């Protein structure tokens, strides 16, 4: 968030202040999701399929540091380090992270809603989910550049500033692995027409994927 005074000063590092949420309205620069899965289906009346997939997934994400509300502490006020608050927003940087490969699954249904001669109107619905851990976090910015393997963090009220002095070290306690909760819904509709051995079709697909960082 934007500091209340000039960046780099230490005049207000002990006083909490309401600040603008710089992450609001920011978008990811790149988001990639990879899945390898087996497909199982139950056919009903040769018209409908109820199916599921079981497999493994992993992802890669990249965005400007402002999208993650990256903040830092430059300079301190006084000699007490336990109550120091961030005093600068790091907006001119890039944050990347890679997830590990973990179990993923999906369930869905598809079928023929209407048939007339060689024409068929079909629909499909699918829901997918996976909860991978963050394998590597890479931050590149003017004040600092660092890479963290298997990052851990605080959750709930313990994540409020100021953080313990042991935060980010091997001696930190009450931390949890950084995880990502992936959910995706898909709905599709298509019209096909059989021409001997060929089946040309036209369709639309709507999907909504969410990634909740924990």
N, C-alpha and C. Protein backbone atom coordinates (compact mmCIF):
# COMPACT_ATOMS: atom_id res chain seq x y z
N UNK A 1 0.83 -1.19 0.00
CA UNK A 1 0.00 0.00 0.00
C UNK A 1 0.87 1.24 0.00
N UNK A 2 0.31 2.36 -0.40
CA UNK A 2 1.06 3.60 -0.48
C UNK A 2 1.38 4.13 0.91
N UNK A 3 2.64 4.46 1.21
CA UNK A 3 3.00 4.99 2.52
C UNK A 3 2.41 6.37 2.73
N UNK A 4 2.23 6.74 4.01
CA UNK A 4 1.67 8.06 4.32
C UNK A 4 2.71 9.16 4.17
N UNK A 5 3.98 8.78 4.20
CA UNK A 5 5.04 9.77 4.00
C UNK A 5 5.99 9.25 2.93
N UNK A 6 7.00 10.04 2.63
CA UNK A 6 7.90 9.70 1.53
C UNK A 6 8.53 8.33 1.73
N UNK A 7 8.64 7.55 0.66
CA UNK A 7 9.25 6.24 0.74
C UNK A 7 10.68 6.35 1.24
N UNK A 8 11.06 5.41 2.09
CA UNK A 8 12.43 5.38 2.58
C UNK A 8 12.62 6.07 3.91
N UNK A 9 11.62 6.80 4.41
CA UNK A 9 11.76 7.43 5.72
C UNK A 9 11.33 6.46 6.80
N UNK A 10 11.76 6.72 8.01
CA UNK A 10 11.43 5.85 9.14
C UNK A 10 10.59 6.57 10.17
N UNK A 11 9.96 7.67 9.77
CA UNK A 11 9.27 8.51 10.74
C UNK A 11 7.95 7.94 11.23
N UNK A 12 7.38 6.97 10.52
CA UNK A 12 6.08 6.45 10.95
C UNK A 12 6.05 4.93 10.98
N UNK A 13 7.17 4.29 11.23
CA UNK A 13 7.22 2.83 11.20
C UNK A 13 6.63 2.18 12.44
N UNK A 14 6.26 2.96 13.45
CA UNK A 14 5.63 2.40 14.64
C UNK A 14 4.14 2.68 14.69
N UNK A 15 3.60 3.40 13.71
CA UNK A 15 2.20 3.81 13.74
C UNK A 15 1.46 3.22 12.55
N UNK A 16 0.40 2.46 12.85
CA UNK A 16 -0.41 1.88 11.77
C UNK A 16 -1.26 2.96 11.12
N UNK A 17 -1.45 2.85 9.80
CA UNK A 17 -2.23 3.85 9.06
C UNK A 17 -3.01 3.16 7.96
N UNK A 18 -4.22 3.64 7.72
CA UNK A 18 -5.03 3.13 6.61
C UNK A 18 -4.39 3.55 5.29
N UNK A 19 -4.24 2.60 4.38
CA UNK A 19 -3.58 2.88 3.11
C UNK A 19 -4.38 2.30 1.96
N UNK A 20 -4.17 2.85 0.80
CA UNK A 20 -4.88 2.40 -0.39
C UNK A 20 -4.46 0.98 -0.75
N UNK A 21 -5.42 0.16 -1.14
CA UNK A 21 -5.14 -1.20 -1.57
C UNK A 21 -4.69 -1.18 -3.03
N UNK A 22 -3.37 -1.23 -3.23
CA UNK A 22 -2.84 -1.14 -4.59
C UNK A 22 -3.16 -2.36 -5.44
N UNK A 23 -3.47 -3.48 -4.80
CA UNK A 23 -3.75 -4.70 -5.55
C UNK A 23 -5.12 -4.68 -6.22
N UNK A 24 -5.98 -3.77 -5.77
CA UNK A 24 -7.34 -3.73 -6.31
C UNK A 24 -7.32 -3.36 -7.80
N UNK A 25 -7.94 -4.19 -8.61
CA UNK A 25 -8.01 -3.93 -10.04
C UNK A 25 -6.80 -4.39 -10.83
N UNK A 26 -5.77 -4.91 -10.15
CA UNK A 26 -4.58 -5.40 -10.86
C UNK A 26 -4.84 -6.81 -11.39
N UNK A 27 -4.14 -7.16 -12.46
CA UNK A 27 -4.33 -8.45 -13.10
C UNK A 27 -3.01 -9.21 -13.18
N UNK A 28 -3.12 -10.54 -13.28
CA UNK A 28 -1.94 -11.37 -13.50
C UNK A 28 -1.42 -11.14 -14.91
N UNK A 29 -0.10 -11.15 -15.05
CA UNK A 29 0.51 -11.03 -16.37
C UNK A 29 0.52 -12.37 -17.09
N UNK A 30 0.62 -13.44 -16.32
CA UNK A 30 0.68 -14.77 -16.92
C UNK A 30 0.17 -15.79 -15.90
N UNK A 31 -0.66 -16.70 -16.34
CA UNK A 31 -1.16 -17.79 -15.49
C UNK A 31 -1.25 -19.04 -16.35
N UNK A 32 -0.51 -20.06 -15.96
CA UNK A 32 -0.47 -21.31 -16.72
C UNK A 32 -0.82 -22.47 -15.79
N UNK A 33 -1.67 -23.35 -16.29
CA UNK A 33 -2.11 -24.50 -15.49
C UNK A 33 -2.01 -25.76 -16.34
N UNK A 34 -1.33 -26.78 -15.81
CA UNK A 34 -1.08 -28.01 -16.56
C UNK A 34 -1.69 -29.19 -15.80
N UNK A 35 -2.41 -30.04 -16.53
CA UNK A 35 -3.06 -31.20 -15.91
C UNK A 35 -2.86 -32.44 -16.77
N UNK A 36 -2.48 -33.54 -16.15
CA UNK A 36 -2.44 -34.85 -16.78
C UNK A 36 -3.38 -35.76 -15.98
N UNK A 37 -4.37 -36.33 -16.65
CA UNK A 37 -5.38 -37.07 -15.90
C UNK A 37 -5.94 -38.23 -16.71
N UNK A 38 -6.45 -39.23 -15.99
CA UNK A 38 -7.18 -40.35 -16.59
C UNK A 38 -8.66 -40.01 -16.60
N UNK A 39 -9.36 -40.53 -17.61
CA UNK A 39 -10.77 -40.20 -17.83
C UNK A 39 -11.62 -41.44 -17.63
N UNK A 40 -12.63 -41.35 -16.76
CA UNK A 40 -13.56 -42.45 -16.51
C UNK A 40 -14.98 -41.95 -16.78
N UNK A 41 -15.78 -42.75 -17.50
CA UNK A 41 -17.13 -42.29 -17.86
C UNK A 41 -18.14 -43.42 -17.75
N UNK A 42 -19.37 -43.05 -17.39
CA UNK A 42 -20.50 -43.98 -17.35
C UNK A 42 -21.53 -43.49 -18.37
N UNK A 43 -21.81 -44.34 -19.36
CA UNK A 43 -22.75 -43.97 -20.41
C UNK A 43 -24.17 -44.41 -20.06
N UNK A 44 -25.14 -43.54 -20.31
CA UNK A 44 -26.54 -43.82 -20.00
C UNK A 44 -27.37 -43.66 -21.28
N UNK A 45 -28.02 -44.74 -21.68
CA UNK A 45 -28.93 -44.74 -22.84
C UNK A 45 -28.25 -44.26 -24.13
N UNK A 46 -26.97 -44.40 -24.22
CA UNK A 46 -26.22 -43.96 -25.41
C UNK A 46 -26.41 -42.49 -25.72
N UNK A 47 -26.82 -41.71 -24.71
CA UNK A 47 -27.07 -40.28 -24.93
C UNK A 47 -26.33 -39.39 -23.94
N UNK A 48 -26.08 -39.92 -22.74
CA UNK A 48 -25.49 -39.09 -21.68
C UNK A 48 -24.28 -39.80 -21.08
N UNK A 49 -23.29 -39.01 -20.70
CA UNK A 49 -22.10 -39.51 -20.00
C UNK A 49 -21.96 -38.77 -18.68
N UNK A 50 -21.76 -39.53 -17.62
CA UNK A 50 -21.35 -38.97 -16.33
C UNK A 50 -19.89 -39.38 -16.15
N UNK A 51 -19.01 -38.42 -15.97
CA UNK A 51 -17.58 -38.74 -16.00
C UNK A 51 -16.82 -38.07 -14.86
N UNK A 52 -15.61 -38.56 -14.67
CA UNK A 52 -14.68 -37.93 -13.72
C UNK A 52 -13.28 -38.10 -14.26
N UNK A 53 -12.38 -37.23 -13.82
CA UNK A 53 -10.96 -37.34 -14.16
C UNK A 53 -10.15 -37.36 -12.87
N UNK A 54 -9.09 -38.15 -12.87
CA UNK A 54 -8.18 -38.25 -11.73
C UNK A 54 -6.77 -38.11 -12.27
N UNK A 55 -5.99 -37.21 -11.69
CA UNK A 55 -4.64 -37.01 -12.20
C UNK A 55 -3.81 -36.10 -11.33
N UNK A 56 -2.90 -35.37 -11.97
CA UNK A 56 -1.99 -34.47 -11.27
C UNK A 56 -1.91 -33.15 -12.02
N UNK A 57 -1.70 -32.06 -11.27
CA UNK A 57 -1.67 -30.73 -11.88
C UNK A 57 -0.60 -29.87 -11.22
N UNK A 58 -0.13 -28.87 -11.96
CA UNK A 58 0.80 -27.88 -11.42
C UNK A 58 0.62 -26.58 -12.20
N UNK A 59 1.13 -25.48 -11.64
CA UNK A 59 0.90 -24.19 -12.28
C UNK A 59 2.06 -23.22 -12.13
N UNK A 60 1.98 -22.14 -12.91
CA UNK A 60 2.95 -21.05 -12.88
C UNK A 60 2.19 -19.74 -12.98
N UNK A 61 2.58 -18.75 -12.15
CA UNK A 61 1.88 -17.47 -12.12
C UNK A 61 2.90 -16.33 -12.05
N UNK A 62 2.55 -15.21 -12.71
CA UNK A 62 3.44 -14.06 -12.75
C UNK A 62 2.60 -12.79 -12.76
N UNK A 63 3.01 -11.80 -11.97
CA UNK A 63 2.30 -10.52 -11.94
C UNK A 63 3.22 -9.46 -11.37
N UNK A 64 2.85 -8.19 -11.57
CA UNK A 64 3.58 -7.10 -10.95
C UNK A 64 3.45 -7.15 -9.44
N UNK A 65 4.45 -6.65 -8.74
CA UNK A 65 4.44 -6.73 -7.27
C UNK A 65 3.26 -5.99 -6.66
N UNK A 66 2.74 -4.98 -7.35
CA UNK A 66 1.58 -4.25 -6.83
C UNK A 66 0.36 -5.15 -6.73
N UNK A 67 0.25 -6.16 -7.62
CA UNK A 67 -0.89 -7.07 -7.58
C UNK A 67 -0.89 -7.93 -6.34
N UNK A 68 0.27 -8.06 -5.69
CA UNK A 68 0.38 -8.85 -4.47
C UNK A 68 0.51 -7.97 -3.22
N UNK A 69 0.36 -6.65 -3.39
CA UNK A 69 0.50 -5.73 -2.26
C UNK A 69 1.82 -5.94 -1.54
N UNK A 70 2.89 -6.03 -2.30
CA UNK A 70 4.21 -6.24 -1.71
C UNK A 70 4.68 -4.98 -1.00
N UNK A 71 5.02 -5.11 0.28
CA UNK A 71 5.46 -3.97 1.08
C UNK A 71 6.80 -4.30 1.73
N UNK A 72 7.49 -3.27 2.19
CA UNK A 72 8.78 -3.46 2.83
C UNK A 72 9.03 -2.42 3.90
N UNK A 73 10.08 -2.63 4.64
CA UNK A 73 10.50 -1.70 5.69
C UNK A 73 11.89 -1.20 5.35
N UNK A 74 12.00 0.10 5.09
CA UNK A 74 13.29 0.72 4.79
C UNK A 74 13.54 1.76 5.87
N UNK A 75 14.51 1.49 6.73
CA UNK A 75 14.79 2.36 7.86
C UNK A 75 13.90 2.00 9.04
N UNK A 76 14.34 2.32 10.25
CA UNK A 76 13.57 2.05 11.46
C UNK A 76 13.51 3.30 12.32
N UNK A 77 12.47 3.39 13.14
CA UNK A 77 12.33 4.49 14.08
C UNK A 77 12.60 3.95 15.48
N UNK A 78 13.63 4.46 16.15
CA UNK A 78 13.97 3.99 17.48
C UNK A 78 14.79 2.72 17.43
N UNK A 79 14.90 2.06 18.58
CA UNK A 79 15.73 0.86 18.70
C UNK A 79 14.91 -0.41 18.90
N UNK A 80 13.60 -0.28 19.10
CA UNK A 80 12.74 -1.45 19.31
C UNK A 80 12.32 -2.02 17.96
N UNK A 81 12.83 -3.21 17.64
CA UNK A 81 12.55 -3.81 16.34
C UNK A 81 11.27 -4.63 16.33
N UNK A 82 10.66 -4.86 17.49
CA UNK A 82 9.50 -5.74 17.57
C UNK A 82 8.22 -5.11 17.03
N UNK A 83 8.14 -3.80 16.99
CA UNK A 83 6.90 -3.13 16.60
C UNK A 83 7.03 -2.32 15.31
N UNK A 84 8.00 -2.66 14.49
CA UNK A 84 8.21 -1.91 13.25
C UNK A 84 7.21 -2.36 12.18
N UNK A 85 6.61 -1.39 11.51
CA UNK A 85 5.62 -1.66 10.46
C UNK A 85 6.19 -1.30 9.09
N UNK A 86 5.72 -1.95 8.01
CA UNK A 86 6.19 -1.59 6.67
C UNK A 86 5.91 -0.12 6.38
N UNK A 87 6.85 0.53 5.70
CA UNK A 87 6.68 1.95 5.40
C UNK A 87 6.84 2.28 3.92
N UNK A 88 6.89 1.25 3.06
CA UNK A 88 7.06 1.51 1.64
C UNK A 88 6.34 0.43 0.84
N UNK A 89 5.68 0.84 -0.23
CA UNK A 89 5.05 -0.10 -1.16
C UNK A 89 6.02 -0.37 -2.31
N UNK A 90 6.23 -1.64 -2.61
CA UNK A 90 7.14 -2.03 -3.69
C UNK A 90 6.28 -2.33 -4.91
N UNK A 91 6.18 -1.35 -5.80
CA UNK A 91 5.29 -1.47 -6.95
C UNK A 91 6.02 -1.76 -8.26
N UNK A 92 7.30 -1.44 -8.34
CA UNK A 92 8.06 -1.63 -9.58
C UNK A 92 8.84 -2.93 -9.52
N UNK A 93 8.13 -4.02 -9.36
CA UNK A 93 8.77 -5.32 -9.28
C UNK A 93 7.91 -6.39 -9.92
N UNK A 94 8.43 -7.61 -9.94
CA UNK A 94 7.74 -8.75 -10.52
C UNK A 94 7.76 -9.90 -9.52
N UNK A 95 6.64 -10.55 -9.37
CA UNK A 95 6.52 -11.71 -8.49
C UNK A 95 6.13 -12.92 -9.34
N UNK A 96 6.88 -14.01 -9.19
CA UNK A 96 6.58 -15.25 -9.88
C UNK A 96 6.51 -16.37 -8.85
N UNK A 97 5.63 -17.33 -9.08
CA UNK A 97 5.69 -18.52 -8.24
C UNK A 97 5.24 -19.75 -9.01
N UNK A 98 5.86 -20.86 -8.64
CA UNK A 98 5.59 -22.16 -9.23
C UNK A 98 4.99 -23.06 -8.16
N UNK A 99 4.01 -23.88 -8.54
CA UNK A 99 3.43 -24.82 -7.59
C UNK A 99 4.07 -26.19 -7.77
N UNK A 100 3.91 -27.04 -6.76
CA UNK A 100 4.35 -28.42 -6.92
C UNK A 100 3.29 -29.18 -7.71
N UNK A 101 3.60 -30.41 -8.05
CA UNK A 101 2.65 -31.26 -8.76
C UNK A 101 1.85 -32.05 -7.74
N UNK A 102 0.55 -31.89 -7.77
CA UNK A 102 -0.29 -32.51 -6.75
C UNK A 102 -1.54 -33.11 -7.38
N UNK A 103 -2.27 -33.85 -6.57
CA UNK A 103 -3.48 -34.55 -7.04
C UNK A 103 -4.54 -33.56 -7.50
N UNK A 104 -5.21 -33.88 -8.60
CA UNK A 104 -6.32 -33.07 -9.10
C UNK A 104 -7.46 -33.98 -9.52
N UNK A 105 -8.66 -33.45 -9.49
CA UNK A 105 -9.82 -34.25 -9.88
C UNK A 105 -10.88 -33.35 -10.50
N UNK A 106 -11.79 -33.96 -11.22
CA UNK A 106 -12.92 -33.22 -11.78
C UNK A 106 -14.09 -34.18 -11.95
N UNK A 107 -15.30 -33.62 -11.96
CA UNK A 107 -16.51 -34.39 -12.23
C UNK A 107 -17.34 -33.60 -13.23
N UNK A 108 -18.16 -34.31 -13.99
CA UNK A 108 -18.97 -33.60 -14.97
C UNK A 108 -19.97 -34.51 -15.66
N UNK A 109 -20.71 -33.92 -16.57
CA UNK A 109 -21.70 -34.66 -17.35
C UNK A 109 -21.81 -34.01 -18.72
N UNK A 110 -22.13 -34.83 -19.71
CA UNK A 110 -22.34 -34.32 -21.06
C UNK A 110 -23.35 -35.22 -21.76
N UNK A 111 -24.01 -34.66 -22.75
CA UNK A 111 -24.99 -35.49 -23.44
C UNK A 111 -25.64 -34.77 -24.59
N UNK A 112 -26.45 -35.52 -25.33
CA UNK A 112 -27.19 -34.99 -26.47
C UNK A 112 -28.55 -34.51 -25.99
N UNK A 113 -28.79 -33.21 -26.13
CA UNK A 113 -30.06 -32.63 -25.70
C UNK A 113 -31.14 -32.72 -26.77
N UNK A 114 -30.72 -32.70 -28.03
CA UNK A 114 -31.69 -32.69 -29.13
C UNK A 114 -31.05 -33.31 -30.36
N UNK A 115 -31.81 -34.16 -31.05
CA UNK A 115 -31.33 -34.80 -32.27
C UNK A 115 -32.40 -34.70 -33.35
N UNK A 116 -31.97 -34.40 -34.55
CA UNK A 116 -32.87 -34.34 -35.70
C UNK A 116 -32.10 -34.77 -36.94
N UNK A 117 -32.34 -35.99 -37.38
CA UNK A 117 -31.58 -36.49 -38.51
C UNK A 117 -30.11 -36.62 -38.16
N UNK A 118 -29.27 -35.95 -38.92
CA UNK A 118 -27.82 -35.99 -38.68
C UNK A 118 -27.34 -34.87 -37.78
N UNK A 119 -28.24 -34.00 -37.34
CA UNK A 119 -27.87 -32.87 -36.48
C UNK A 119 -28.07 -33.23 -35.01
N UNK A 120 -27.13 -32.79 -34.18
CA UNK A 120 -27.20 -33.07 -32.74
C UNK A 120 -26.79 -31.82 -31.97
N UNK A 121 -27.57 -31.48 -30.96
CA UNK A 121 -27.23 -30.39 -30.05
C UNK A 121 -26.83 -31.00 -28.72
N UNK A 122 -25.60 -30.72 -28.29
CA UNK A 122 -25.09 -31.30 -27.05
C UNK A 122 -24.62 -30.25 -26.07
N UNK A 123 -24.54 -30.65 -24.80
CA UNK A 123 -24.10 -29.75 -23.73
C UNK A 123 -23.17 -30.51 -22.79
N UNK A 124 -22.32 -29.74 -22.09
CA UNK A 124 -21.37 -30.35 -21.15
C UNK A 124 -21.18 -29.44 -19.95
N UNK A 125 -21.00 -30.06 -18.80
CA UNK A 125 -20.72 -29.34 -17.55
C UNK A 125 -19.58 -30.06 -16.84
N UNK A 126 -18.65 -29.28 -16.25
CA UNK A 126 -17.52 -29.89 -15.54
C UNK A 126 -17.04 -28.98 -14.42
N UNK A 127 -16.67 -29.60 -13.30
CA UNK A 127 -16.07 -28.88 -12.17
C UNK A 127 -14.76 -29.55 -11.82
N UNK A 128 -13.69 -28.75 -11.66
CA UNK A 128 -12.36 -29.28 -11.36
C UNK A 128 -11.79 -28.60 -10.12
N UNK A 129 -10.94 -29.34 -9.41
CA UNK A 129 -10.35 -28.79 -8.18
C UNK A 129 -8.98 -29.40 -7.94
N UNK A 130 -8.09 -28.59 -7.34
CA UNK A 130 -6.76 -29.04 -6.93
C UNK A 130 -6.22 -28.06 -5.90
N UNK A 131 -5.38 -28.55 -4.97
CA UNK A 131 -4.83 -27.70 -3.91
C UNK A 131 -3.31 -27.87 -3.82
N UNK A 132 -2.56 -27.34 -4.78
CA UNK A 132 -1.10 -27.50 -4.74
C UNK A 132 -0.44 -26.54 -3.75
N UNK A 133 0.75 -26.90 -3.33
CA UNK A 133 1.57 -26.01 -2.50
C UNK A 133 2.49 -25.19 -3.40
N UNK A 134 2.88 -24.01 -2.91
CA UNK A 134 3.83 -23.18 -3.65
C UNK A 134 5.21 -23.81 -3.51
N UNK A 135 5.81 -24.16 -4.63
CA UNK A 135 7.13 -24.80 -4.62
C UNK A 135 8.25 -23.78 -4.60
N UNK A 136 8.10 -22.68 -5.35
CA UNK A 136 9.16 -21.67 -5.41
C UNK A 136 8.54 -20.30 -5.63
N UNK A 137 9.03 -19.32 -4.88
CA UNK A 137 8.58 -17.93 -4.99
C UNK A 137 9.78 -17.08 -5.39
N UNK A 138 9.64 -16.33 -6.47
CA UNK A 138 10.73 -15.51 -6.99
C UNK A 138 10.28 -14.06 -7.06
N UNK A 139 10.98 -13.16 -6.37
CA UNK A 139 10.65 -11.74 -6.35
C UNK A 139 11.83 -10.95 -6.91
N UNK A 140 11.56 -10.11 -7.91
CA UNK A 140 12.57 -9.25 -8.50
C UNK A 140 12.09 -7.81 -8.40
N UNK A 141 12.83 -6.97 -7.68
CA UNK A 141 12.45 -5.57 -7.50
C UNK A 141 13.71 -4.75 -7.25
N UNK A 142 13.56 -3.43 -7.25
CA UNK A 142 14.71 -2.55 -7.02
C UNK A 142 15.28 -2.70 -5.62
N UNK A 143 14.45 -2.71 -4.55
CA UNK A 143 15.01 -2.82 -3.20
C UNK A 143 15.62 -4.18 -2.91
N UNK A 144 15.05 -5.26 -3.49
CA UNK A 144 15.53 -6.60 -3.13
C UNK A 144 15.18 -7.59 -4.22
N UNK A 145 16.01 -8.63 -4.32
CA UNK A 145 15.75 -9.76 -5.20
C UNK A 145 16.00 -11.03 -4.40
N UNK A 146 15.03 -11.93 -4.40
CA UNK A 146 15.22 -13.14 -3.62
C UNK A 146 14.35 -14.27 -4.18
N UNK A 147 14.76 -15.49 -3.83
CA UNK A 147 14.03 -16.70 -4.20
C UNK A 147 13.80 -17.51 -2.94
N UNK A 148 12.58 -17.96 -2.74
CA UNK A 148 12.25 -18.78 -1.57
C UNK A 148 11.70 -20.12 -2.06
N UNK A 149 12.33 -21.21 -1.62
CA UNK A 149 11.86 -22.55 -1.94
C UNK A 149 10.93 -23.04 -0.83
N UNK A 150 9.81 -23.58 -1.23
CA UNK A 150 8.79 -24.08 -0.30
C UNK A 150 8.47 -23.02 0.76
N UNK A 151 7.96 -21.86 0.34
CA UNK A 151 7.69 -20.77 1.29
C UNK A 151 6.61 -21.15 2.30
N UNK A 152 6.76 -20.59 3.50
CA UNK A 152 5.79 -20.78 4.57
C UNK A 152 5.37 -19.40 5.08
N UNK A 153 4.21 -19.34 5.72
CA UNK A 153 3.74 -18.05 6.21
C UNK A 153 2.78 -18.21 7.36
N UNK A 154 2.31 -17.07 7.84
CA UNK A 154 1.37 -17.05 8.96
C UNK A 154 -0.05 -16.97 8.43
N UNK A 155 -1.00 -17.40 9.26
CA UNK A 155 -2.40 -17.43 8.86
C UNK A 155 -3.26 -16.86 9.98
N UNK A 156 -4.36 -16.19 9.59
CA UNK A 156 -5.25 -15.62 10.59
C UNK A 156 -4.69 -14.37 11.22
N UNK A 157 -4.98 -14.17 12.50
CA UNK A 157 -4.53 -12.96 13.19
C UNK A 157 -3.02 -12.91 13.34
N UNK A 158 -2.37 -14.07 13.31
CA UNK A 158 -0.91 -14.09 13.45
C UNK A 158 -0.21 -13.53 12.22
N UNK A 159 -0.96 -13.33 11.12
CA UNK A 159 -0.36 -12.78 9.90
C UNK A 159 -0.40 -11.26 9.88
N UNK A 160 -0.98 -10.63 10.89
CA UNK A 160 -1.04 -9.18 10.94
C UNK A 160 0.32 -8.59 11.26
N UNK A 161 0.58 -7.40 10.72
CA UNK A 161 1.82 -6.70 11.06
C UNK A 161 1.71 -6.11 12.46
N UNK A 162 2.83 -6.01 13.20
CA UNK A 162 4.17 -6.44 12.80
C UNK A 162 4.37 -7.95 12.98
N UNK A 163 5.14 -8.55 12.07
CA UNK A 163 5.44 -9.97 12.16
C UNK A 163 6.55 -10.20 13.17
N UNK A 164 6.67 -11.42 13.71
CA UNK A 164 7.77 -11.72 14.63
C UNK A 164 9.12 -11.53 13.95
N UNK A 165 10.14 -11.24 14.73
CA UNK A 165 11.48 -11.05 14.18
C UNK A 165 12.01 -12.32 13.53
N UNK A 166 11.46 -13.48 13.92
CA UNK A 166 11.92 -14.75 13.34
C UNK A 166 11.24 -15.07 12.01
N UNK A 167 10.31 -14.22 11.57
CA UNK A 167 9.59 -14.48 10.31
C UNK A 167 10.57 -14.62 9.15
N UNK A 168 10.37 -15.65 8.35
CA UNK A 168 11.23 -15.87 7.20
C UNK A 168 12.51 -16.62 7.50
N UNK A 169 12.69 -17.05 8.75
CA UNK A 169 13.88 -17.80 9.13
C UNK A 169 13.50 -19.23 9.48
N UNK A 170 14.51 -20.08 9.67
CA UNK A 170 14.26 -21.47 10.02
C UNK A 170 13.71 -21.63 11.43
N UNK A 171 13.86 -20.59 12.27
CA UNK A 171 13.39 -20.68 13.65
C UNK A 171 11.95 -20.19 13.81
N UNK A 172 11.30 -19.77 12.74
CA UNK A 172 9.92 -19.29 12.82
C UNK A 172 8.99 -20.42 13.24
N UNK A 173 8.01 -20.11 14.08
CA UNK A 173 7.05 -21.10 14.57
C UNK A 173 5.63 -20.70 14.15
N UNK A 174 4.71 -21.67 14.29
CA UNK A 174 3.29 -21.45 13.96
C UNK A 174 3.10 -21.00 12.51
N UNK A 175 3.89 -21.53 11.61
CA UNK A 175 3.75 -21.20 10.19
C UNK A 175 3.11 -22.36 9.44
N UNK A 176 2.59 -22.06 8.27
CA UNK A 176 1.95 -23.07 7.42
C UNK A 176 2.51 -22.96 6.01
N UNK A 177 2.50 -24.07 5.31
CA UNK A 177 2.95 -24.06 3.91
C UNK A 177 2.03 -23.18 3.08
N UNK A 178 2.63 -22.41 2.18
CA UNK A 178 1.83 -21.58 1.27
C UNK A 178 1.16 -22.48 0.24
N UNK A 179 -0.15 -22.41 0.16
CA UNK A 179 -0.90 -23.27 -0.75
C UNK A 179 -1.79 -22.43 -1.67
N UNK A 180 -2.25 -23.08 -2.72
CA UNK A 180 -3.12 -22.44 -3.70
C UNK A 180 -4.34 -23.33 -3.90
N UNK A 181 -5.52 -22.77 -3.78
CA UNK A 181 -6.75 -23.53 -3.98
C UNK A 181 -7.32 -23.19 -5.36
N UNK A 182 -7.29 -24.18 -6.23
CA UNK A 182 -7.75 -23.99 -7.61
C UNK A 182 -9.14 -24.60 -7.79
N UNK A 183 -10.06 -23.80 -8.33
CA UNK A 183 -11.41 -24.26 -8.65
C UNK A 183 -11.75 -23.78 -10.06
N UNK A 184 -12.41 -24.62 -10.82
CA UNK A 184 -12.82 -24.20 -12.17
C UNK A 184 -14.16 -24.84 -12.53
N UNK A 185 -15.04 -23.99 -13.08
CA UNK A 185 -16.32 -24.44 -13.61
C UNK A 185 -16.30 -24.27 -15.13
N UNK A 186 -16.87 -25.23 -15.84
CA UNK A 186 -16.97 -25.14 -17.29
C UNK A 186 -18.37 -25.55 -17.74
N UNK A 187 -18.93 -24.78 -18.67
CA UNK A 187 -20.21 -25.11 -19.29
C UNK A 187 -20.06 -24.92 -20.80
N UNK A 188 -20.50 -25.89 -21.57
CA UNK A 188 -20.35 -25.81 -23.02
C UNK A 188 -21.61 -26.23 -23.75
N UNK A 189 -21.77 -25.70 -24.96
CA UNK A 189 -22.92 -26.03 -25.81
C UNK A 189 -22.40 -26.11 -27.25
N UNK A 190 -22.77 -27.18 -27.96
CA UNK A 190 -22.26 -27.37 -29.33
C UNK A 190 -23.33 -27.98 -30.22
N UNK A 191 -23.25 -27.63 -31.51
CA UNK A 191 -24.14 -28.19 -32.53
C UNK A 191 -23.28 -28.89 -33.58
N UNK A 192 -23.58 -30.16 -33.84
CA UNK A 192 -22.80 -30.94 -34.81
C UNK A 192 -23.71 -31.50 -35.90
N UNK A 193 -23.08 -31.87 -37.02
CA UNK A 193 -23.83 -32.45 -38.14
C UNK A 193 -22.95 -33.53 -38.79
N UNK A 194 -23.47 -34.74 -38.84
CA UNK A 194 -22.70 -35.85 -39.37
C UNK A 194 -22.75 -35.86 -40.89
N UNK A 195 -21.56 -35.89 -41.51
CA UNK A 195 -21.41 -36.00 -42.96
C UNK A 195 -20.56 -37.22 -43.25
N UNK A 196 -21.23 -38.36 -43.42
CA UNK A 196 -20.52 -39.62 -43.64
C UNK A 196 -19.53 -39.88 -42.50
N UNK A 197 -18.23 -39.83 -42.79
CA UNK A 197 -17.23 -40.09 -41.76
C UNK A 197 -16.79 -38.83 -41.02
N UNK A 198 -17.27 -37.67 -41.43
CA UNK A 198 -16.89 -36.42 -40.79
C UNK A 198 -18.04 -35.88 -39.95
N UNK A 199 -17.67 -35.24 -38.82
CA UNK A 199 -18.67 -34.63 -37.94
C UNK A 199 -18.22 -33.20 -37.62
N UNK A 200 -18.45 -32.24 -38.50
CA UNK A 200 -18.11 -30.85 -38.18
C UNK A 200 -19.06 -30.31 -37.10
N UNK A 201 -18.55 -29.40 -36.30
CA UNK A 201 -19.39 -28.85 -35.23
C UNK A 201 -18.98 -27.42 -34.94
N UNK A 202 -19.88 -26.71 -34.30
CA UNK A 202 -19.60 -25.36 -33.82
C UNK A 202 -20.16 -25.26 -32.40
N UNK A 203 -19.42 -24.60 -31.52
CA UNK A 203 -19.87 -24.55 -30.13
C UNK A 203 -19.26 -23.39 -29.38
N UNK A 204 -19.75 -23.21 -28.18
CA UNK A 204 -19.23 -22.18 -27.27
C UNK A 204 -18.94 -22.84 -25.93
N UNK A 205 -17.95 -22.30 -25.23
CA UNK A 205 -17.58 -22.83 -23.92
C UNK A 205 -17.33 -21.67 -22.97
N UNK A 206 -17.90 -21.74 -21.80
CA UNK A 206 -17.71 -20.72 -20.76
C UNK A 206 -17.04 -21.36 -19.57
N UNK A 207 -16.01 -20.72 -19.04
CA UNK A 207 -15.31 -21.27 -17.88
C UNK A 207 -14.95 -20.14 -16.92
N UNK A 208 -14.87 -20.48 -15.66
CA UNK A 208 -14.46 -19.54 -14.63
C UNK A 208 -13.51 -20.27 -13.69
N UNK A 209 -12.26 -19.81 -13.65
CA UNK A 209 -11.25 -20.40 -12.77
C UNK A 209 -10.87 -19.41 -11.68
N UNK A 210 -10.76 -19.89 -10.46
CA UNK A 210 -10.35 -19.05 -9.33
C UNK A 210 -9.16 -19.71 -8.65
N UNK A 211 -8.25 -18.86 -8.17
CA UNK A 211 -7.07 -19.31 -7.45
C UNK A 211 -7.02 -18.54 -6.14
N UNK A 212 -7.25 -19.24 -5.03
CA UNK A 212 -7.23 -18.60 -3.72
C UNK A 212 -5.93 -18.94 -3.02
N UNK A 213 -5.13 -17.92 -2.72
CA UNK A 213 -3.87 -18.13 -2.02
C UNK A 213 -4.13 -18.24 -0.53
N UNK A 214 -3.47 -19.21 0.10
CA UNK A 214 -3.66 -19.44 1.53
C UNK A 214 -2.29 -19.33 2.21
